[in-house]
Protein backbone atom coordinates (compact mmCIF):
# COMPACT_ATOMS: atom_id res chain seq x y z
CA MET A 1 0.03 0.03 -0.01
CA PRO A 2 1.39 3.45 -0.86
CA ARG A 3 2.26 5.79 1.94
CA ASP A 4 1.59 9.55 1.99
CA LEU A 5 4.81 10.56 3.79
CA LEU A 6 8.16 8.81 3.85
CA ILE A 7 11.09 10.05 5.93
CA GLY A 8 14.41 8.22 5.79
CA ASN A 9 18.16 8.29 5.50
CA GLY A 10 19.04 4.89 4.01
CA SER A 11 19.22 2.84 7.21
CA LEU A 12 16.00 4.18 8.82
CA VAL A 13 12.70 4.74 7.13
CA VAL A 14 9.52 6.03 8.85
CA ALA A 15 6.30 5.95 6.78
CA PHE A 16 3.01 7.65 7.58
CA ASP A 17 -0.43 6.78 6.05
CA SER A 18 -3.08 9.14 4.80
CA LYS A 19 -4.26 10.07 8.30
CA TYR A 20 -0.53 10.70 9.23
CA ARG A 21 -0.37 7.78 11.65
CA LEU A 22 2.95 5.93 11.89
CA ALA A 23 2.44 3.00 9.57
CA ASP A 24 5.88 1.53 8.83
CA LEU A 25 9.25 1.73 10.64
CA TYR A 26 12.21 -0.03 9.03
CA PHE A 27 15.62 -0.19 10.80
CA PRO A 28 18.50 -0.97 10.13
CA HIS A 29 17.72 -2.68 6.76
CA VAL A 30 15.13 -0.73 4.75
CA GLY A 31 12.54 -2.98 3.09
CA GLN A 32 13.12 -6.04 5.37
CA GLU A 33 11.33 -6.30 8.75
CA ASN A 34 8.61 -3.72 9.55
CA HIS A 35 9.01 -2.82 13.24
CA ALA A 36 5.80 -0.73 13.52
CA GLY A 37 3.35 -3.67 13.10
CA ALA A 38 0.08 -1.66 13.10
CA PRO A 39 -0.75 2.00 12.63
CA SER A 40 0.13 4.12 15.66
CA ARG A 41 -1.06 7.44 16.88
CA PHE A 42 0.85 10.30 18.43
CA GLY A 43 -0.49 12.41 21.27
CA VAL A 44 0.61 15.07 23.69
CA TRP A 45 -0.34 15.20 27.41
CA VAL A 46 -0.35 18.81 28.78
CA ASP A 47 -1.96 20.01 32.00
CA GLY A 48 -4.01 16.85 32.47
CA THR A 49 -5.46 16.88 28.91
CA MET A 50 -4.56 14.57 26.01
CA SER A 51 -4.46 15.90 22.56
CA TRP A 52 -4.03 13.56 19.54
CA VAL A 53 -2.08 14.91 16.67
């Protein structure tokens, strides 16, 4: 499946899906084992309130 955003340097690739959730994480060999497993979400906890990015 195509990814909307790929960030990498040759030994690390981080891919985000269309909702900008972490979908793929490859390290240290790009294209071999995907370490992310399932889409992940990123949130920030500030002053007792959680905000999902």
